[in-house]
Amino acid sequence: MNHRIAATLREELNRHHEDNAAVFSEREVSSEAQEFFRCHDVAHVVFGCDTSLFGEGILKIFTIFGTTLGFRKHISAYAEASAFGLFRQYSVLHVLGNIFRLSLGVPRAIVRAKRMSRPWPWADHSAYLDKSIEEIRREFNIVVIPQ
């Protein structure tokens, strides 16, 4: 994810959608699933995670430990959105290549999420759409893990 210094959350979210157009499914999903994916995409941008297996894994940790969604709600929302099926997009080689990285990255993500000044508002983030990514990360003390 390339970030310009003054890029806003809205701009980076649009870029995230453009960069990952092939990942997004055209299938019909419930309004609850649409809301989950909307918030999930925002979290991708805020926490600086790509859509690789490593990025998705790190994002899950940040979502559980660093947002207002939490563990139980995350798992139930993820299951309801049928998001587990998205992991079929990864090849065996991609999975194998990311397992070791994830084993090292997960503890780092937990520590960084716990060091945040407060949890990222999972669903109530509209007030941040026109703030720069850098300003948001500074405000919440979010330290991105390099992808």
N, C-alpha and C. Protein backbone atom coordinates (compact mmCIF):
# COMPACT_ATOMS: atom_id res chain seq x y z
N MET A 1 0.82 -1.17 0.00
CA MET A 1 0.00 0.00 0.00
C MET A 1 0.88 1.24 0.00
N ASN A 2 0.87 2.01 -1.05
CA ASN A 2 1.64 3.26 -1.10
C ASN A 2 0.79 4.38 -0.52
N HIS A 3 1.37 5.12 0.40
CA HIS A 3 0.64 6.20 1.04
C HIS A 3 1.32 7.53 0.76
N ARG A 4 0.52 8.47 0.30
CA ARG A 4 1.03 9.83 0.22
C ARG A 4 0.95 10.41 1.61
N ILE A 5 1.80 11.37 1.89
CA ILE A 5 1.86 11.94 3.24
C ILE A 5 0.52 12.51 3.68
N ALA A 6 -0.18 13.23 2.83
CA ALA A 6 -1.41 13.90 3.23
C ALA A 6 -2.66 13.13 2.81
N ALA A 7 -2.54 11.87 2.41
CA ALA A 7 -3.69 11.10 1.96
C ALA A 7 -4.68 10.92 3.11
N THR A 8 -5.95 11.13 2.79
CA THR A 8 -6.99 10.95 3.79
C THR A 8 -7.44 9.50 3.82
N LEU A 9 -8.16 9.16 4.87
CA LEU A 9 -8.72 7.81 4.98
C LEU A 9 -9.63 7.53 3.78
N ARG A 10 -10.43 8.49 3.39
CA ARG A 10 -11.33 8.31 2.24
C ARG A 10 -10.54 8.02 0.96
N GLU A 11 -9.46 8.79 0.74
CA GLU A 11 -8.64 8.59 -0.46
C GLU A 11 -7.97 7.22 -0.46
N GLU A 12 -7.42 6.84 0.69
CA GLU A 12 -6.75 5.55 0.78
C GLU A 12 -7.74 4.39 0.70
N LEU A 13 -8.95 4.60 1.20
CA LEU A 13 -9.99 3.57 1.09
C LEU A 13 -10.36 3.36 -0.38
N ASN A 14 -10.50 4.46 -1.11
CA ASN A 14 -10.77 4.36 -2.55
C ASN A 14 -9.63 3.64 -3.27
N ARG A 15 -8.41 3.96 -2.91
CA ARG A 15 -7.24 3.31 -3.51
C ARG A 15 -7.22 1.82 -3.15
N HIS A 16 -7.57 1.49 -1.92
CA HIS A 16 -7.64 0.09 -1.50
C HIS A 16 -8.65 -0.68 -2.36
N HIS A 17 -9.80 -0.07 -2.60
CA HIS A 17 -10.81 -0.72 -3.44
C HIS A 17 -10.33 -0.88 -4.88
N GLU A 18 -9.67 0.13 -5.40
CA GLU A 18 -9.14 0.04 -6.78
C GLU A 18 -8.06 -1.03 -6.88
N ASP A 19 -7.14 -1.04 -5.91
CA ASP A 19 -6.03 -1.99 -5.94
C ASP A 19 -6.48 -3.44 -5.75
N ASN A 20 -7.61 -3.62 -5.12
CA ASN A 20 -8.07 -4.96 -4.79
C ASN A 20 -9.40 -5.32 -5.45
N ALA A 21 -9.68 -4.70 -6.57
CA ALA A 21 -10.96 -4.93 -7.25
C ALA A 21 -11.20 -6.41 -7.53
N ALA A 22 -10.15 -7.15 -7.84
CA ALA A 22 -10.30 -8.58 -8.16
C ALA A 22 -10.67 -9.39 -6.92
N VAL A 23 -10.34 -8.90 -5.75
CA VAL A 23 -10.63 -9.63 -4.51
C VAL A 23 -12.09 -9.49 -4.12
N PHE A 24 -12.67 -8.36 -4.45
CA PHE A 24 -14.04 -8.11 -4.04
C PHE A 24 -15.01 -8.91 -4.89
N SER A 25 -15.90 -9.58 -4.22
CA SER A 25 -16.84 -10.48 -4.88
C SER A 25 -18.08 -9.71 -5.32
N GLU A 26 -18.65 -10.17 -6.41
CA GLU A 26 -19.90 -9.59 -6.92
C GLU A 26 -21.11 -10.33 -6.38
N ARG A 27 -20.91 -11.31 -5.50
CA ARG A 27 -22.02 -12.10 -5.00
C ARG A 27 -22.91 -11.29 -4.08
N GLU A 28 -24.13 -11.78 -3.93
CA GLU A 28 -25.08 -11.14 -3.04
C GLU A 28 -24.73 -11.47 -1.60
N VAL A 29 -24.66 -10.46 -0.76
CA VAL A 29 -24.42 -10.68 0.67
C VAL A 29 -25.43 -9.86 1.45
N SER A 30 -25.65 -10.27 2.68
CA SER A 30 -26.60 -9.57 3.54
C SER A 30 -26.12 -8.17 3.85
N SER A 31 -27.02 -7.35 4.34
CA SER A 31 -26.63 -5.98 4.71
C SER A 31 -25.64 -6.01 5.87
N GLU A 32 -25.77 -7.01 6.76
CA GLU A 32 -24.81 -7.15 7.86
C GLU A 32 -23.43 -7.48 7.33
N ALA A 33 -23.37 -8.35 6.32
CA ALA A 33 -22.07 -8.70 5.72
C ALA A 33 -21.48 -7.50 5.00
N GLN A 34 -22.32 -6.73 4.30
CA GLN A 34 -21.83 -5.52 3.62
C GLN A 34 -21.23 -4.56 4.64
N GLU A 35 -21.89 -4.41 5.78
CA GLU A 35 -21.39 -3.51 6.82
C GLU A 35 -20.07 -4.03 7.39
N PHE A 36 -19.98 -5.34 7.60
CA PHE A 36 -18.73 -5.92 8.09
C PHE A 36 -17.59 -5.63 7.13
N PHE A 37 -17.81 -5.88 5.83
CA PHE A 37 -16.74 -5.66 4.85
C PHE A 37 -16.39 -4.18 4.72
N ARG A 38 -17.36 -3.31 4.86
CA ARG A 38 -17.08 -1.87 4.82
C ARG A 38 -16.12 -1.50 5.95
N CYS A 39 -16.41 -1.96 7.15
CA CYS A 39 -15.56 -1.66 8.30
C CYS A 39 -14.21 -2.37 8.20
N HIS A 40 -14.23 -3.59 7.68
CA HIS A 40 -13.02 -4.38 7.49
C HIS A 40 -12.08 -3.68 6.51
N ASP A 41 -12.63 -3.13 5.43
CA ASP A 41 -11.81 -2.42 4.45
C ASP A 41 -11.19 -1.17 5.05
N VAL A 42 -11.95 -0.46 5.87
CA VAL A 42 -11.41 0.72 6.55
C VAL A 42 -10.26 0.30 7.46
N ALA A 43 -10.44 -0.81 8.16
CA ALA A 43 -9.39 -1.30 9.05
C ALA A 43 -8.12 -1.67 8.26
N HIS A 44 -8.29 -2.23 7.06
CA HIS A 44 -7.13 -2.52 6.21
C HIS A 44 -6.30 -1.26 6.03
N VAL A 45 -6.96 -0.17 5.74
CA VAL A 45 -6.27 1.09 5.48
C VAL A 45 -5.67 1.67 6.75
N VAL A 46 -6.45 1.73 7.81
CA VAL A 46 -5.98 2.34 9.06
C VAL A 46 -4.78 1.60 9.63
N PHE A 47 -4.81 0.27 9.58
CA PHE A 47 -3.73 -0.53 10.15
C PHE A 47 -2.65 -0.86 9.14
N GLY A 48 -2.81 -0.41 7.90
CA GLY A 48 -1.77 -0.57 6.88
C GLY A 48 -1.55 -2.01 6.45
N CYS A 49 -2.61 -2.79 6.40
CA CYS A 49 -2.49 -4.21 6.05
C CYS A 49 -2.97 -4.46 4.62
N ASP A 50 -2.17 -5.21 3.87
CA ASP A 50 -2.58 -5.58 2.52
C ASP A 50 -3.51 -6.79 2.58
N THR A 51 -3.84 -7.35 1.41
CA THR A 51 -4.78 -8.46 1.37
C THR A 51 -4.08 -9.81 1.19
N SER A 52 -2.77 -9.85 1.43
CA SER A 52 -2.07 -11.13 1.45
C SER A 52 -2.53 -11.89 2.70
N LEU A 53 -2.19 -13.15 2.78
CA LEU A 53 -2.52 -13.92 3.97
C LEU A 53 -1.88 -13.29 5.20
N PHE A 54 -0.63 -12.82 5.07
CA PHE A 54 0.03 -12.15 6.18
C PHE A 54 -0.74 -10.90 6.59
N GLY A 55 -1.11 -10.07 5.61
CA GLY A 55 -1.85 -8.85 5.91
C GLY A 55 -3.19 -9.12 6.56
N GLU A 56 -3.90 -10.13 6.05
CA GLU A 56 -5.20 -10.49 6.64
C GLU A 56 -5.04 -11.01 8.05
N GLY A 57 -4.00 -11.82 8.28
CA GLY A 57 -3.77 -12.34 9.62
C GLY A 57 -3.43 -11.25 10.62
N ILE A 58 -2.57 -10.33 10.21
CA ILE A 58 -2.20 -9.21 11.09
C ILE A 58 -3.42 -8.32 11.34
N LEU A 59 -4.23 -8.12 10.30
CA LEU A 59 -5.43 -7.31 10.47
C LEU A 59 -6.39 -7.95 11.47
N LYS A 60 -6.50 -9.26 11.47
CA LYS A 60 -7.37 -9.94 12.44
C LYS A 60 -6.91 -9.66 13.86
N ILE A 61 -5.60 -9.69 14.05
CA ILE A 61 -5.07 -9.42 15.39
C ILE A 61 -5.36 -7.98 15.80
N PHE A 62 -5.10 -7.03 14.89
CA PHE A 62 -5.41 -5.63 15.20
C PHE A 62 -6.91 -5.45 15.44
N THR A 63 -7.74 -6.14 14.67
CA THR A 63 -9.20 -6.01 14.85
C THR A 63 -9.62 -6.52 16.21
N ILE A 64 -9.09 -7.65 16.62
CA ILE A 64 -9.47 -8.25 17.90
C ILE A 64 -8.96 -7.42 19.08
N PHE A 65 -7.70 -7.00 19.02
CA PHE A 65 -7.08 -6.33 20.16
C PHE A 65 -7.06 -4.80 20.06
N GLY A 66 -7.32 -4.25 18.88
CA GLY A 66 -7.16 -2.81 18.72
C GLY A 66 -8.37 -2.06 18.19
N THR A 67 -9.54 -2.73 18.16
CA THR A 67 -10.76 -2.03 17.73
C THR A 67 -11.86 -2.26 18.74
N THR A 68 -12.93 -1.53 18.57
CA THR A 68 -14.08 -1.69 19.45
C THR A 68 -14.88 -2.95 19.13
N LEU A 69 -14.55 -3.65 18.06
CA LEU A 69 -15.29 -4.87 17.70
C LEU A 69 -14.99 -6.02 18.66
N GLY A 70 -13.73 -6.26 18.97
CA GLY A 70 -13.38 -7.33 19.89
C GLY A 70 -13.43 -8.71 19.28
N PHE A 71 -13.11 -9.73 20.09
CA PHE A 71 -12.95 -11.10 19.61
C PHE A 71 -14.28 -11.75 19.24
N ARG A 72 -15.21 -11.85 20.16
CA ARG A 72 -16.46 -12.57 19.90
C ARG A 72 -17.24 -11.98 18.75
N LYS A 73 -17.38 -10.67 18.76
CA LYS A 73 -18.12 -10.02 17.67
C LYS A 73 -17.39 -10.21 16.34
N HIS A 74 -16.05 -10.18 16.37
CA HIS A 74 -15.28 -10.35 15.14
C HIS A 74 -15.52 -11.73 14.54
N ILE A 75 -15.44 -12.75 15.35
CA ILE A 75 -15.62 -14.12 14.85
C ILE A 75 -17.03 -14.31 14.33
N SER A 76 -18.04 -13.86 15.06
CA SER A 76 -19.41 -14.06 14.60
C SER A 76 -19.70 -13.23 13.35
N ALA A 77 -19.19 -12.00 13.28
CA ALA A 77 -19.40 -11.16 12.09
C ALA A 77 -18.67 -11.75 10.90
N TYR A 78 -17.49 -12.27 11.12
CA TYR A 78 -16.70 -12.87 10.05
C TYR A 78 -17.41 -14.09 9.48
N ALA A 79 -17.95 -14.92 10.38
CA ALA A 79 -18.67 -16.12 9.95
C ALA A 79 -19.96 -15.74 9.22
N GLU A 80 -20.68 -14.77 9.76
CA GLU A 80 -21.94 -14.33 9.15
C GLU A 80 -21.71 -13.76 7.75
N ALA A 81 -20.59 -13.10 7.55
CA ALA A 81 -20.27 -12.51 6.26
C ALA A 81 -19.70 -13.55 5.29
N SER A 82 -19.56 -14.78 5.75
CA SER A 82 -18.97 -15.87 4.95
C SER A 82 -17.58 -15.49 4.45
N ALA A 83 -16.86 -14.74 5.26
CA ALA A 83 -15.55 -14.25 4.87
C ALA A 83 -14.48 -15.34 4.92
N PHE A 84 -14.73 -16.42 5.65
CA PHE A 84 -13.74 -17.49 5.71
C PHE A 84 -13.49 -18.07 4.33
N GLY A 85 -14.50 -18.04 3.47
CA GLY A 85 -14.36 -18.55 2.11
C GLY A 85 -13.36 -17.77 1.27
N LEU A 86 -13.08 -16.54 1.66
CA LEU A 86 -12.12 -15.72 0.91
C LEU A 86 -10.72 -16.30 0.96
N PHE A 87 -10.44 -17.11 1.97
CA PHE A 87 -9.11 -17.69 2.10
C PHE A 87 -8.81 -18.72 1.02
N ARG A 88 -9.83 -19.15 0.30
CA ARG A 88 -9.62 -20.09 -0.81
C ARG A 88 -8.83 -19.45 -1.94
N GLN A 89 -8.75 -18.13 -1.95
CA GLN A 89 -8.03 -17.44 -3.02
C GLN A 89 -6.52 -17.62 -2.94
N TYR A 90 -6.02 -18.06 -1.79
CA TYR A 90 -4.58 -18.19 -1.60
C TYR A 90 -4.10 -19.57 -2.03
N SER A 91 -2.99 -19.58 -2.74
CA SER A 91 -2.40 -20.85 -3.16
C SER A 91 -1.70 -21.50 -1.96
N VAL A 92 -1.44 -22.79 -2.08
CA VAL A 92 -0.73 -23.51 -1.03
C VAL A 92 0.65 -22.88 -0.82
N LEU A 93 1.30 -22.54 -1.89
CA LEU A 93 2.62 -21.91 -1.80
C LEU A 93 2.54 -20.57 -1.04
N HIS A 94 1.51 -19.79 -1.32
CA HIS A 94 1.32 -18.51 -0.62
C HIS A 94 1.11 -18.77 0.88
N VAL A 95 0.29 -19.75 1.21
CA VAL A 95 0.03 -20.07 2.62
C VAL A 95 1.32 -20.50 3.31
N LEU A 96 2.03 -21.41 2.69
CA LEU A 96 3.28 -21.89 3.29
C LEU A 96 4.30 -20.77 3.46
N GLY A 97 4.35 -19.87 2.50
CA GLY A 97 5.29 -18.76 2.56
C GLY A 97 4.95 -17.72 3.61
N ASN A 98 3.72 -17.73 4.09
CA ASN A 98 3.30 -16.73 5.06
C ASN A 98 3.15 -17.25 6.49
N ILE A 99 3.16 -18.56 6.67
CA ILE A 99 2.97 -19.12 8.01
C ILE A 99 4.06 -18.66 8.96
N PHE A 100 5.32 -18.75 8.55
CA PHE A 100 6.43 -18.34 9.42
C PHE A 100 6.35 -16.85 9.72
N ARG A 101 6.10 -16.05 8.68
CA ARG A 101 5.98 -14.60 8.89
C ARG A 101 4.87 -14.28 9.88
N LEU A 102 3.76 -15.00 9.78
CA LEU A 102 2.65 -14.77 10.71
C LEU A 102 3.01 -15.17 12.13
N SER A 103 3.75 -16.26 12.28
CA SER A 103 4.13 -16.70 13.63
C SER A 103 4.99 -15.64 14.33
N LEU A 104 5.75 -14.88 13.57
CA LEU A 104 6.53 -13.78 14.13
C LEU A 104 5.73 -12.49 14.23
N GLY A 105 4.85 -12.27 13.28
CA GLY A 105 4.10 -11.02 13.22
C GLY A 105 2.96 -10.91 14.21
N VAL A 106 2.32 -12.03 14.54
CA VAL A 106 1.17 -12.00 15.44
C VAL A 106 1.53 -11.44 16.81
N PRO A 107 2.58 -11.91 17.47
CA PRO A 107 2.91 -11.32 18.77
C PRO A 107 3.22 -9.82 18.68
N ARG A 108 3.90 -9.42 17.61
CA ARG A 108 4.19 -7.98 17.42
C ARG A 108 2.90 -7.20 17.27
N ALA A 109 1.93 -7.74 16.54
CA ALA A 109 0.66 -7.05 16.34
C ALA A 109 -0.11 -6.93 17.66
N ILE A 110 -0.07 -7.98 18.47
CA ILE A 110 -0.75 -7.93 19.77
C ILE A 110 -0.15 -6.82 20.63
N VAL A 111 1.16 -6.78 20.70
CA VAL A 111 1.84 -5.75 21.51
C VAL A 111 1.49 -4.36 20.98
N ARG A 112 1.55 -4.18 19.67
CA ARG A 112 1.26 -2.86 19.10
C ARG A 112 -0.19 -2.46 19.31
N ALA A 113 -1.11 -3.41 19.22
CA ALA A 113 -2.53 -3.11 19.46
C ALA A 113 -2.75 -2.72 20.92
N LYS A 114 -2.07 -3.42 21.82
CA LYS A 114 -2.22 -3.11 23.25
C LYS A 114 -1.61 -1.75 23.60
N ARG A 115 -0.68 -1.28 22.80
CA ARG A 115 -0.04 0.03 23.05
C ARG A 115 -0.81 1.19 22.43
N MET A 116 -1.88 0.90 21.73
CA MET A 116 -2.68 1.98 21.14
C MET A 116 -3.27 2.84 22.26
N SER A 117 -3.45 4.12 21.97
CA SER A 117 -3.98 5.02 22.99
C SER A 117 -5.45 4.73 23.31
N ARG A 118 -6.17 4.21 22.34
CA ARG A 118 -7.55 3.76 22.54
C ARG A 118 -7.94 2.92 21.32
N PRO A 119 -8.98 2.11 21.44
CA PRO A 119 -9.37 1.26 20.31
C PRO A 119 -9.92 2.07 19.14
N TRP A 120 -9.62 1.59 17.94
CA TRP A 120 -10.17 2.18 16.73
C TRP A 120 -11.68 1.89 16.71
N PRO A 121 -12.52 2.92 16.43
CA PRO A 121 -13.97 2.71 16.39
C PRO A 121 -14.37 1.92 15.14
N TRP A 122 -14.62 0.64 15.30
CA TRP A 122 -14.87 -0.28 14.19
C TRP A 122 -15.93 0.24 13.24
N ALA A 123 -17.11 0.55 13.75
CA ALA A 123 -18.22 0.93 12.86
C ALA A 123 -18.51 2.42 12.86
N ASP A 124 -17.96 3.13 13.80
CA ASP A 124 -18.28 4.56 13.94
C ASP A 124 -17.06 5.41 13.58
N HIS A 125 -16.63 5.29 12.34
CA HIS A 125 -15.39 5.96 11.92
C HIS A 125 -15.62 7.07 10.89
N SER A 126 -16.86 7.42 10.63
CA SER A 126 -17.15 8.41 9.58
C SER A 126 -16.49 9.76 9.86
N ALA A 127 -16.31 10.12 11.11
CA ALA A 127 -15.68 11.41 11.45
C ALA A 127 -14.20 11.44 11.03
N TYR A 128 -13.63 10.29 10.73
CA TYR A 128 -12.21 10.20 10.38
C TYR A 128 -11.97 10.12 8.87
N LEU A 129 -13.00 10.01 8.07
CA LEU A 129 -12.82 9.80 6.63
C LEU A 129 -12.00 10.89 5.95
N ASP A 130 -12.10 12.12 6.41
CA ASP A 130 -11.36 13.21 5.77
C ASP A 130 -10.12 13.63 6.55
N LYS A 131 -9.71 12.83 7.50
CA LYS A 131 -8.44 13.05 8.21
C LYS A 131 -7.35 12.27 7.51
N SER A 132 -6.13 12.75 7.61
CA SER A 132 -5.02 12.03 6.98
C SER A 132 -4.75 10.74 7.75
N ILE A 133 -4.27 9.75 7.03
CA ILE A 133 -3.92 8.47 7.64
C ILE A 133 -2.87 8.69 8.73
N GLU A 134 -1.89 9.52 8.45
CA GLU A 134 -0.85 9.78 9.44
C GLU A 134 -1.42 10.40 10.71
N GLU A 135 -2.36 11.32 10.57
CA GLU A 135 -2.98 11.96 11.72
C GLU A 135 -3.77 10.93 12.54
N ILE A 136 -4.50 10.05 11.86
CA ILE A 136 -5.26 9.00 12.54
C ILE A 136 -4.32 8.08 13.31
N ARG A 137 -3.27 7.64 12.65
CA ARG A 137 -2.33 6.72 13.30
C ARG A 137 -1.65 7.38 14.50
N ARG A 138 -1.35 8.64 14.36
CA ARG A 138 -0.74 9.38 15.48
C ARG A 138 -1.75 9.47 16.64
N GLU A 139 -2.99 9.81 16.33
CA GLU A 139 -4.02 9.97 17.37
C GLU A 139 -4.27 8.67 18.13
N PHE A 140 -4.26 7.55 17.44
CA PHE A 140 -4.54 6.26 18.08
C PHE A 140 -3.28 5.49 18.46
N ASN A 141 -2.13 6.06 18.15
CA ASN A 141 -0.83 5.41 18.38
C ASN A 141 -0.78 4.04 17.68
N ILE A 142 -1.12 4.05 16.39
CA ILE A 142 -1.08 2.86 15.58
C ILE A 142 0.28 2.79 14.89
N VAL A 143 0.99 1.70 15.13
CA VAL A 143 2.28 1.47 14.48
C VAL A 143 2.09 0.31 13.51
N VAL A 144 2.22 0.59 12.23
CA VAL A 144 2.00 -0.38 11.18
C VAL A 144 3.12 -1.42 11.16
N ILE A 145 2.73 -2.65 10.91
CA ILE A 145 3.71 -3.73 10.72
C ILE A 145 3.98 -3.84 9.23
N PRO A 146 5.23 -3.71 8.82
CA PRO A 146 5.54 -3.75 7.38
C PRO A 146 5.02 -5.03 6.73
N GLN A 147 4.44 -4.86 5.57
CA GLN A 147 3.89 -6.01 4.83
C GLN A 147 4.97 -6.50 3.96
